[in-house]
Amino acid sequence: MTEALARGWLLAWIAFGTAPAGSLVLLLVHRITGGRWGEALGPCLRPVAALLPLVALGFLGVAVALPALYPWAADPGAVKPEVAALYLSPALFTARGAVALLGWAVLAGLMLSGRASRLVAGLGLAVYGLTISLVPVDWILSLEPRFTSSAFGAGFALHQLLAALALATIASPK
């Protein structure tokens, strides 16, 4: 796979997954807090959150293209050996991404089926908070392994929420 194709896939996959993940978070928050805002946005948020299994499936393209995308996957010597062994390894990268995306897809399924209690929604938000602090660092920041940012996950989560709100605003019939 060429580097340009791999980077294009990564960009398209991240862009495609932004609104579904943000929609899930808003549905989880509404399940806990209630209110008319969630009832008004729900008809727009639910079908978008239902796309999360497709987002998870799209991760296969990223996993296949690891050496073309990430310098640490093509040349493990590009990063410190202890970092490569404990964090930037293809197996751990794929496992973290798969666990996060499958977890989000399961949460979306529970929310859409109406089987998510307030407790499940709260635990789901905690899981989201943990995973969103890890996976954007993998997916985006590790393109440049020497760059670090402690607030990157929070900024990524904010983008997901804003994308879901913007989509719901545009698609809302009211």
N, C-alpha and C. Protein backbone atom coordinates (compact mmCIF):
# COMPACT_ATOMS: atom_id res chain seq x y z
N MET A 1 0.86 -1.17 0.00
CA MET A 1 0.00 0.00 0.00
C MET A 1 0.91 1.23 0.00
N THR A 2 0.61 2.18 -0.86
CA THR A 2 1.46 3.38 -0.92
C THR A 2 1.18 4.28 0.27
N GLU A 3 2.16 5.10 0.58
CA GLU A 3 2.03 6.01 1.72
C GLU A 3 0.88 7.00 1.52
N ALA A 4 0.72 7.52 0.30
CA ALA A 4 -0.35 8.49 0.04
C ALA A 4 -1.73 7.86 0.22
N LEU A 5 -1.90 6.65 -0.27
CA LEU A 5 -3.17 5.96 -0.10
C LEU A 5 -3.44 5.66 1.36
N ALA A 6 -2.42 5.24 2.07
CA ALA A 6 -2.58 4.93 3.50
C ALA A 6 -2.95 6.18 4.28
N ARG A 7 -2.29 7.29 4.01
CA ARG A 7 -2.60 8.53 4.72
C ARG A 7 -3.99 9.03 4.37
N GLY A 8 -4.38 8.87 3.11
CA GLY A 8 -5.74 9.25 2.72
C GLY A 8 -6.79 8.41 3.44
N TRP A 9 -6.53 7.11 3.55
CA TRP A 9 -7.45 6.23 4.27
C TRP A 9 -7.56 6.66 5.74
N LEU A 10 -6.41 6.92 6.37
CA LEU A 10 -6.40 7.33 7.77
C LEU A 10 -7.21 8.61 7.96
N LEU A 11 -6.98 9.59 7.12
CA LEU A 11 -7.69 10.86 7.23
C LEU A 11 -9.19 10.67 7.03
N ALA A 12 -9.56 9.93 5.99
CA ALA A 12 -10.99 9.70 5.72
C ALA A 12 -11.63 8.90 6.86
N TRP A 13 -10.92 7.91 7.38
CA TRP A 13 -11.46 7.09 8.46
C TRP A 13 -11.67 7.91 9.73
N ILE A 14 -10.70 8.76 10.06
CA ILE A 14 -10.84 9.61 11.24
C ILE A 14 -11.99 10.59 11.05
N ALA A 15 -12.08 11.20 9.88
CA ALA A 15 -13.17 12.15 9.61
C ALA A 15 -14.53 11.45 9.68
N PHE A 16 -14.62 10.25 9.10
CA PHE A 16 -15.88 9.50 9.10
C PHE A 16 -16.29 9.10 10.52
N GLY A 17 -15.33 8.80 11.36
CA GLY A 17 -15.64 8.32 12.71
C GLY A 17 -15.90 9.40 13.74
N THR A 18 -15.66 10.65 13.38
CA THR A 18 -15.78 11.74 14.35
C THR A 18 -17.21 11.94 14.83
N ALA A 19 -18.15 12.14 13.93
CA ALA A 19 -19.54 12.39 14.32
C ALA A 19 -20.20 11.18 14.99
N PRO A 20 -19.97 9.94 14.52
CA PRO A 20 -20.57 8.81 15.24
C PRO A 20 -20.10 8.69 16.69
N ALA A 21 -18.82 8.89 16.94
CA ALA A 21 -18.32 8.81 18.32
C ALA A 21 -18.90 9.95 19.16
N GLY A 22 -18.94 11.14 18.60
CA GLY A 22 -19.54 12.27 19.33
C GLY A 22 -21.01 12.06 19.60
N SER A 23 -21.71 11.46 18.66
CA SER A 23 -23.14 11.17 18.86
C SER A 23 -23.33 10.18 20.00
N LEU A 24 -22.48 9.17 20.06
CA LEU A 24 -22.56 8.21 21.16
C LEU A 24 -22.38 8.92 22.50
N VAL A 25 -21.39 9.79 22.59
CA VAL A 25 -21.14 10.49 23.86
C VAL A 25 -22.35 11.33 24.25
N LEU A 26 -22.93 12.03 23.30
CA LEU A 26 -24.11 12.85 23.61
C LEU A 26 -25.29 11.98 24.04
N LEU A 27 -25.46 10.83 23.42
CA LEU A 27 -26.53 9.92 23.83
C LEU A 27 -26.28 9.39 25.25
N LEU A 28 -25.03 9.09 25.57
CA LEU A 28 -24.70 8.63 26.92
C LEU A 28 -24.96 9.73 27.95
N VAL A 29 -24.55 10.94 27.64
CA VAL A 29 -24.78 12.06 28.55
C VAL A 29 -26.27 12.28 28.75
N HIS A 30 -27.04 12.21 27.66
CA HIS A 30 -28.49 12.40 27.80
C HIS A 30 -29.13 11.30 28.62
N ARG A 31 -28.63 10.08 28.48
CA ARG A 31 -29.19 8.97 29.27
C ARG A 31 -29.01 9.23 30.76
N ILE A 32 -27.92 9.88 31.12
CA ILE A 32 -27.66 10.18 32.53
C ILE A 32 -28.44 11.40 32.99
N THR A 33 -28.44 12.45 32.18
CA THR A 33 -29.00 13.73 32.61
C THR A 33 -30.45 13.94 32.24
N GLY A 34 -30.89 13.33 31.14
CA GLY A 34 -32.24 13.57 30.65
C GLY A 34 -32.35 14.96 30.07
N GLY A 35 -33.56 15.36 29.76
CA GLY A 35 -33.80 16.72 29.26
C GLY A 35 -34.32 16.73 27.85
N ARG A 36 -34.91 17.87 27.51
CA ARG A 36 -35.51 18.02 26.17
C ARG A 36 -34.47 18.10 25.07
N TRP A 37 -33.26 18.53 25.39
CA TRP A 37 -32.24 18.66 24.36
C TRP A 37 -31.94 17.30 23.72
N GLY A 38 -31.87 16.27 24.53
CA GLY A 38 -31.60 14.93 24.01
C GLY A 38 -32.76 14.35 23.24
N GLU A 39 -33.97 14.68 23.66
CA GLU A 39 -35.15 14.22 22.92
C GLU A 39 -35.22 14.89 21.56
N ALA A 40 -34.81 16.16 21.50
CA ALA A 40 -34.83 16.88 20.23
C ALA A 40 -33.72 16.40 19.29
N LEU A 41 -32.54 16.12 19.84
CA LEU A 41 -31.41 15.71 19.01
C LEU A 41 -31.35 14.20 18.77
N GLY A 42 -32.04 13.42 19.59
CA GLY A 42 -32.00 11.97 19.49
C GLY A 42 -32.29 11.41 18.11
N PRO A 43 -33.33 11.89 17.41
CA PRO A 43 -33.59 11.34 16.07
C PRO A 43 -32.44 11.53 15.09
N CYS A 44 -31.61 12.52 15.32
CA CYS A 44 -30.44 12.73 14.45
C CYS A 44 -29.22 11.98 14.98
N LEU A 45 -29.07 11.92 16.30
CA LEU A 45 -27.88 11.30 16.89
C LEU A 45 -27.89 9.79 16.79
N ARG A 46 -29.06 9.17 16.95
CA ARG A 46 -29.12 7.70 16.97
C ARG A 46 -28.65 7.06 15.66
N PRO A 47 -29.12 7.51 14.50
CA PRO A 47 -28.62 6.86 13.27
C PRO A 47 -27.13 7.09 13.03
N VAL A 48 -26.62 8.22 13.47
CA VAL A 48 -25.19 8.50 13.30
C VAL A 48 -24.38 7.60 14.23
N ALA A 49 -24.82 7.45 15.47
CA ALA A 49 -24.12 6.55 16.40
C ALA A 49 -24.17 5.10 15.92
N ALA A 50 -25.21 4.76 15.17
CA ALA A 50 -25.33 3.40 14.64
C ALA A 50 -24.24 3.08 13.61
N LEU A 51 -23.51 4.08 13.16
CA LEU A 51 -22.42 3.87 12.21
C LEU A 51 -21.12 3.40 12.88
N LEU A 52 -21.08 3.37 14.21
CA LEU A 52 -19.84 3.00 14.90
C LEU A 52 -19.31 1.61 14.54
N PRO A 53 -20.15 0.60 14.31
CA PRO A 53 -19.58 -0.68 13.85
C PRO A 53 -18.85 -0.55 12.50
N LEU A 54 -19.34 0.32 11.62
CA LEU A 54 -18.63 0.55 10.36
C LEU A 54 -17.30 1.27 10.58
N VAL A 55 -17.29 2.18 11.54
CA VAL A 55 -16.04 2.86 11.90
C VAL A 55 -15.04 1.83 12.41
N ALA A 56 -15.51 0.92 13.26
CA ALA A 56 -14.63 -0.13 13.78
C ALA A 56 -14.10 -1.00 12.64
N LEU A 57 -14.95 -1.32 11.69
CA LEU A 57 -14.52 -2.12 10.55
C LEU A 57 -13.48 -1.38 9.71
N GLY A 58 -13.63 -0.07 9.58
CA GLY A 58 -12.68 0.73 8.82
C GLY A 58 -11.29 0.74 9.43
N PHE A 59 -11.19 0.42 10.71
CA PHE A 59 -9.89 0.36 11.37
C PHE A 59 -9.00 -0.73 10.77
N LEU A 60 -9.60 -1.71 10.13
CA LEU A 60 -8.81 -2.77 9.50
C LEU A 60 -7.87 -2.18 8.45
N GLY A 61 -8.34 -1.17 7.72
CA GLY A 61 -7.48 -0.51 6.73
C GLY A 61 -6.28 0.17 7.36
N VAL A 62 -6.49 0.76 8.52
CA VAL A 62 -5.38 1.39 9.25
C VAL A 62 -4.41 0.32 9.74
N ALA A 63 -4.94 -0.76 10.29
CA ALA A 63 -4.08 -1.83 10.81
C ALA A 63 -3.24 -2.46 9.70
N VAL A 64 -3.81 -2.62 8.53
CA VAL A 64 -3.08 -3.20 7.41
C VAL A 64 -1.97 -2.26 6.93
N ALA A 65 -2.23 -0.96 7.02
CA ALA A 65 -1.30 0.04 6.47
C ALA A 65 -0.29 0.55 7.49
N LEU A 66 -0.16 -0.08 8.64
CA LEU A 66 0.74 0.43 9.68
C LEU A 66 2.14 0.81 9.18
N PRO A 67 2.84 -0.06 8.48
CA PRO A 67 4.21 0.31 8.06
C PRO A 67 4.23 1.50 7.09
N ALA A 68 3.20 1.66 6.28
CA ALA A 68 3.15 2.79 5.34
C ALA A 68 2.78 4.09 6.04
N LEU A 69 2.11 3.99 7.18
CA LEU A 69 1.65 5.18 7.89
C LEU A 69 2.61 5.68 8.95
N TYR A 70 3.09 4.77 9.76
CA TYR A 70 3.80 5.15 10.98
C TYR A 70 5.27 4.79 10.90
N PRO A 71 6.14 5.78 11.10
CA PRO A 71 7.58 5.50 11.03
C PRO A 71 8.05 4.46 12.05
N TRP A 72 7.42 4.41 13.21
CA TRP A 72 7.82 3.45 14.24
C TRP A 72 7.44 2.03 13.86
N ALA A 73 6.40 1.86 13.00
CA ALA A 73 6.02 0.52 12.55
C ALA A 73 6.92 0.05 11.42
N ALA A 74 7.36 0.99 10.57
CA ALA A 74 8.25 0.63 9.47
C ALA A 74 9.67 0.38 9.97
N ASP A 75 10.09 1.16 10.97
CA ASP A 75 11.43 1.04 11.52
C ASP A 75 11.36 1.14 13.03
N PRO A 76 11.27 0.02 13.73
CA PRO A 76 11.18 0.07 15.19
C PRO A 76 12.34 0.79 15.86
N GLY A 77 13.45 0.94 15.18
CA GLY A 77 14.59 1.64 15.73
C GLY A 77 14.40 3.15 15.74
N ALA A 78 13.29 3.65 15.17
CA ALA A 78 13.02 5.09 15.12
C ALA A 78 12.63 5.64 16.49
N VAL A 79 12.25 4.77 17.41
CA VAL A 79 11.89 5.22 18.76
C VAL A 79 12.72 4.44 19.77
N LYS A 80 12.73 4.93 20.98
CA LYS A 80 13.49 4.26 22.04
C LYS A 80 12.97 2.83 22.22
N PRO A 81 13.85 1.87 22.46
CA PRO A 81 13.43 0.47 22.58
C PRO A 81 12.37 0.24 23.65
N GLU A 82 12.48 0.93 24.79
CA GLU A 82 11.48 0.72 25.85
C GLU A 82 10.11 1.27 25.44
N VAL A 83 10.09 2.33 24.66
CA VAL A 83 8.82 2.86 24.16
C VAL A 83 8.24 1.92 23.12
N ALA A 84 9.08 1.42 22.25
CA ALA A 84 8.63 0.48 21.23
C ALA A 84 8.08 -0.80 21.86
N ALA A 85 8.74 -1.28 22.88
CA ALA A 85 8.31 -2.54 23.50
C ALA A 85 7.02 -2.37 24.30
N LEU A 86 6.87 -1.22 24.96
CA LEU A 86 5.73 -1.04 25.86
C LEU A 86 4.55 -0.31 25.23
N TYR A 87 4.78 0.45 24.16
CA TYR A 87 3.67 1.25 23.64
C TYR A 87 3.59 1.22 22.12
N LEU A 88 4.63 1.63 21.43
CA LEU A 88 4.57 1.75 19.97
C LEU A 88 5.00 0.44 19.30
N SER A 89 4.16 -0.54 19.43
CA SER A 89 4.38 -1.79 18.70
C SER A 89 3.10 -2.07 17.91
N PRO A 90 3.22 -2.65 16.73
CA PRO A 90 2.02 -2.90 15.93
C PRO A 90 0.94 -3.71 16.65
N ALA A 91 1.35 -4.70 17.42
CA ALA A 91 0.35 -5.53 18.12
C ALA A 91 -0.40 -4.72 19.17
N LEU A 92 0.32 -3.93 19.97
CA LEU A 92 -0.34 -3.13 21.00
C LEU A 92 -1.19 -2.01 20.39
N PHE A 93 -0.69 -1.39 19.32
CA PHE A 93 -1.45 -0.36 18.61
C PHE A 93 -2.79 -0.93 18.14
N THR A 94 -2.73 -2.07 17.47
CA THR A 94 -3.94 -2.70 16.94
C THR A 94 -4.88 -3.12 18.06
N ALA A 95 -4.33 -3.66 19.13
CA ALA A 95 -5.16 -4.10 20.25
C ALA A 95 -5.86 -2.91 20.91
N ARG A 96 -5.14 -1.82 21.16
CA ARG A 96 -5.77 -0.64 21.77
C ARG A 96 -6.87 -0.08 20.89
N GLY A 97 -6.60 0.04 19.61
CA GLY A 97 -7.61 0.56 18.70
C GLY A 97 -8.83 -0.35 18.61
N ALA A 98 -8.60 -1.64 18.51
CA ALA A 98 -9.71 -2.59 18.40
C ALA A 98 -10.55 -2.60 19.66
N VAL A 99 -9.93 -2.60 20.83
CA VAL A 99 -10.68 -2.60 22.09
C VAL A 99 -11.52 -1.34 22.22
N ALA A 100 -10.92 -0.19 21.91
CA ALA A 100 -11.67 1.07 22.01
C ALA A 100 -12.84 1.09 21.04
N LEU A 101 -12.60 0.74 19.79
CA LEU A 101 -13.67 0.81 18.79
C LEU A 101 -14.76 -0.22 19.03
N LEU A 102 -14.37 -1.42 19.42
CA LEU A 102 -15.39 -2.43 19.73
C LEU A 102 -16.18 -2.04 20.97
N GLY A 103 -15.51 -1.45 21.95
CA GLY A 103 -16.21 -0.96 23.14
C GLY A 103 -17.22 0.12 22.78
N TRP A 104 -16.81 1.06 21.93
CA TRP A 104 -17.73 2.12 21.50
C TRP A 104 -18.90 1.54 20.71
N ALA A 105 -18.62 0.56 19.85
CA ALA A 105 -19.69 -0.05 19.06
C ALA A 105 -20.68 -0.80 19.96
N VAL A 106 -20.18 -1.50 20.97
CA VAL A 106 -21.07 -2.19 21.91
C VAL A 106 -21.91 -1.19 22.69
N LEU A 107 -21.28 -0.11 23.15
CA LEU A 107 -22.04 0.94 23.85
C LEU A 107 -23.12 1.52 22.96
N ALA A 108 -22.79 1.76 21.70
CA ALA A 108 -23.80 2.29 20.77
C ALA A 108 -24.94 1.29 20.62
N GLY A 109 -24.61 0.01 20.50
CA GLY A 109 -25.66 -1.00 20.39
C GLY A 109 -26.56 -1.03 21.61
N LEU A 110 -25.97 -0.92 22.79
CA LEU A 110 -26.77 -0.91 24.02
C LEU A 110 -27.66 0.34 24.08
N MET A 111 -27.11 1.47 23.69
CA MET A 111 -27.89 2.71 23.71
C MET A 111 -29.04 2.65 22.70
N LEU A 112 -28.77 2.17 21.52
CA LEU A 112 -29.78 2.15 20.47
C LEU A 112 -30.87 1.11 20.73
N SER A 113 -30.52 0.05 21.43
CA SER A 113 -31.52 -0.97 21.75
C SER A 113 -32.33 -0.63 22.99
N GLY A 114 -31.94 0.43 23.69
CA GLY A 114 -32.64 0.84 24.90
C GLY A 114 -32.29 0.02 26.12
N ARG A 115 -31.21 -0.75 26.05
CA ARG A 115 -30.81 -1.60 27.17
C ARG A 115 -29.75 -0.98 28.05
N ALA A 116 -29.44 0.29 27.84
CA ALA A 116 -28.40 0.93 28.64
C ALA A 116 -29.04 1.69 29.81
N SER A 117 -28.77 1.23 31.01
CA SER A 117 -29.25 1.94 32.19
C SER A 117 -28.39 3.18 32.41
N ARG A 118 -28.76 3.96 33.40
CA ARG A 118 -27.94 5.13 33.74
C ARG A 118 -26.56 4.69 34.21
N LEU A 119 -26.48 3.58 34.91
CA LEU A 119 -25.19 3.06 35.35
C LEU A 119 -24.32 2.68 34.16
N VAL A 120 -24.91 1.98 33.20
CA VAL A 120 -24.16 1.59 32.00
C VAL A 120 -23.69 2.84 31.25
N ALA A 121 -24.55 3.85 31.16
CA ALA A 121 -24.16 5.09 30.49
C ALA A 121 -23.01 5.77 31.22
N GLY A 122 -23.05 5.80 32.53
CA GLY A 122 -21.96 6.39 33.30
C GLY A 122 -20.66 5.64 33.14
N LEU A 123 -20.74 4.31 33.20
CA LEU A 123 -19.55 3.50 32.98
C LEU A 123 -19.05 3.65 31.55
N GLY A 124 -19.98 3.76 30.61
CA GLY A 124 -19.61 3.99 29.21
C GLY A 124 -18.87 5.29 29.02
N LEU A 125 -19.30 6.33 29.71
CA LEU A 125 -18.59 7.61 29.63
C LEU A 125 -17.19 7.50 30.23
N ALA A 126 -17.06 6.73 31.29
CA ALA A 126 -15.74 6.52 31.89
C ALA A 126 -14.83 5.76 30.93
N VAL A 127 -15.36 4.73 30.29
CA VAL A 127 -14.59 3.97 29.30
C VAL A 127 -14.20 4.89 28.14
N TYR A 128 -15.15 5.70 27.68
CA TYR A 128 -14.85 6.64 26.60
C TYR A 128 -13.73 7.59 27.03
N GLY A 129 -13.81 8.13 28.24
CA GLY A 129 -12.79 9.05 28.72
C GLY A 129 -11.41 8.42 28.74
N LEU A 130 -11.34 7.17 29.13
CA LEU A 130 -10.06 6.48 29.16
C LEU A 130 -9.55 6.23 27.74
N THR A 131 -10.42 5.70 26.89
CA THR A 131 -9.97 5.34 25.54
C THR A 131 -9.66 6.57 24.69
N ILE A 132 -10.40 7.65 24.89
CA ILE A 132 -10.15 8.84 24.06
C ILE A 132 -8.85 9.51 24.45
N SER A 133 -8.32 9.20 25.62
CA SER A 133 -7.02 9.75 25.99
C SER A 133 -5.88 8.92 25.40
N LEU A 134 -6.17 7.72 24.89
CA LEU A 134 -5.14 6.86 24.32
C LEU A 134 -5.17 6.79 22.79
N VAL A 135 -6.33 6.52 22.22
CA VAL A 135 -6.35 6.19 20.80
C VAL A 135 -6.05 7.36 19.87
N PRO A 136 -6.44 8.60 20.15
CA PRO A 136 -6.02 9.67 19.23
C PRO A 136 -4.50 9.86 19.22
N VAL A 137 -3.88 9.58 20.35
CA VAL A 137 -2.42 9.65 20.41
C VAL A 137 -1.84 8.60 19.47
N ASP A 138 -2.41 7.40 19.50
CA ASP A 138 -1.97 6.35 18.59
C ASP A 138 -2.23 6.74 17.14
N TRP A 139 -3.47 7.08 16.84
CA TRP A 139 -3.89 7.26 15.46
C TRP A 139 -3.27 8.48 14.80
N ILE A 140 -3.07 9.56 15.55
CA ILE A 140 -2.61 10.80 14.93
C ILE A 140 -1.23 11.22 15.41
N LEU A 141 -1.04 11.34 16.72
CA LEU A 141 0.23 11.86 17.22
C LEU A 141 1.40 10.92 16.94
N SER A 142 1.14 9.63 16.85
CA SER A 142 2.27 8.73 16.62
C SER A 142 2.75 8.76 15.17
N LEU A 143 2.09 9.56 14.32
CA LEU A 143 2.63 9.80 12.99
C LEU A 143 3.98 10.50 13.10
N GLU A 144 4.12 11.29 14.14
CA GLU A 144 5.38 11.97 14.47
C GLU A 144 5.76 11.54 15.88
N PRO A 145 6.47 10.42 16.04
CA PRO A 145 6.65 9.81 17.36
C PRO A 145 7.36 10.68 18.39
N ARG A 146 8.07 11.69 17.99
CA ARG A 146 8.77 12.54 18.96
C ARG A 146 7.89 13.66 19.51
N PHE A 147 6.73 13.91 18.90
CA PHE A 147 5.83 14.97 19.35
C PHE A 147 4.94 14.44 20.46
N THR A 148 4.73 15.24 21.50
CA THR A 148 3.84 14.84 22.59
C THR A 148 2.89 15.98 22.91
N SER A 149 1.74 15.62 23.43
CA SER A 149 0.75 16.59 23.87
C SER A 149 -0.13 15.91 24.91
N SER A 150 -0.24 16.51 26.08
CA SER A 150 -1.05 15.91 27.13
C SER A 150 -2.53 16.22 26.96
N ALA A 151 -2.88 17.21 26.16
CA ALA A 151 -4.27 17.61 25.99
C ALA A 151 -4.86 17.15 24.66
N PHE A 152 -4.12 16.37 23.90
CA PHE A 152 -4.58 16.00 22.56
C PHE A 152 -5.87 15.19 22.59
N GLY A 153 -5.98 14.24 23.50
CA GLY A 153 -7.19 13.42 23.59
C GLY A 153 -8.41 14.25 23.92
N ALA A 154 -8.27 15.20 24.83
CA ALA A 154 -9.40 16.07 25.18
C ALA A 154 -9.82 16.92 23.99
N GLY A 155 -8.86 17.43 23.25
CA GLY A 155 -9.19 18.20 22.05
C GLY A 155 -9.88 17.36 21.00
N PHE A 156 -9.44 16.12 20.87
CA PHE A 156 -10.05 15.19 19.91
C PHE A 156 -11.49 14.89 20.31
N ALA A 157 -11.72 14.67 21.60
CA ALA A 157 -13.08 14.43 22.10
C ALA A 157 -13.97 15.63 21.83
N LEU A 158 -13.44 16.82 22.04
CA LEU A 158 -14.21 18.03 21.77
C LEU A 158 -14.59 18.12 20.30
N HIS A 159 -13.68 17.77 19.41
CA HIS A 159 -13.99 17.76 17.98
C HIS A 159 -15.10 16.76 17.66
N GLN A 160 -15.08 15.61 18.31
CA GLN A 160 -16.13 14.62 18.10
C GLN A 160 -17.49 15.16 18.53
N LEU A 161 -17.53 15.78 19.70
CA LEU A 161 -18.79 16.34 20.19
C LEU A 161 -19.30 17.45 19.28
N LEU A 162 -18.40 18.33 18.87
CA LEU A 162 -18.80 19.43 18.00
C LEU A 162 -19.25 18.93 16.63
N ALA A 163 -18.62 17.91 16.10
CA ALA A 163 -19.05 17.34 14.82
C ALA A 163 -20.45 16.75 14.94
N ALA A 164 -20.72 16.04 16.04
CA ALA A 164 -22.05 15.47 16.23
C ALA A 164 -23.10 16.56 16.39
N LEU A 165 -22.79 17.60 17.15
CA LEU A 165 -23.74 18.71 17.32
C LEU A 165 -23.98 19.45 16.02
N ALA A 166 -22.92 19.68 15.26
CA ALA A 166 -23.07 20.36 13.98
C ALA A 166 -23.93 19.53 13.02
N LEU A 167 -23.67 18.24 12.94
CA LEU A 167 -24.46 17.38 12.08
C LEU A 167 -25.92 17.34 12.52
N ALA A 168 -26.14 17.24 13.82
CA ALA A 168 -27.52 17.22 14.32
C ALA A 168 -28.22 18.54 14.05
N THR A 169 -27.50 19.64 14.13
CA THR A 169 -28.08 20.95 13.86
C THR A 169 -28.49 21.06 12.39
N ILE A 170 -27.64 20.60 11.52
CA ILE A 170 -27.94 20.68 10.09
C ILE A 170 -29.06 19.71 9.70
N ALA A 171 -29.03 18.50 10.26
CA ALA A 171 -30.00 17.46 9.87
C ALA A 171 -31.30 17.53 10.63
N SER A 172 -31.37 18.30 11.70
CA SER A 172 -32.57 18.35 12.52
C SER A 172 -33.73 18.96 11.74
N PRO A 173 -34.89 18.33 11.83
CA PRO A 173 -36.05 18.85 11.10
C PRO A 173 -36.62 20.13 11.71
N LYS A 174 -36.25 20.45 12.94
CA LYS A 174 -36.82 21.62 13.60
C LYS A 174 -35.98 22.84 13.39
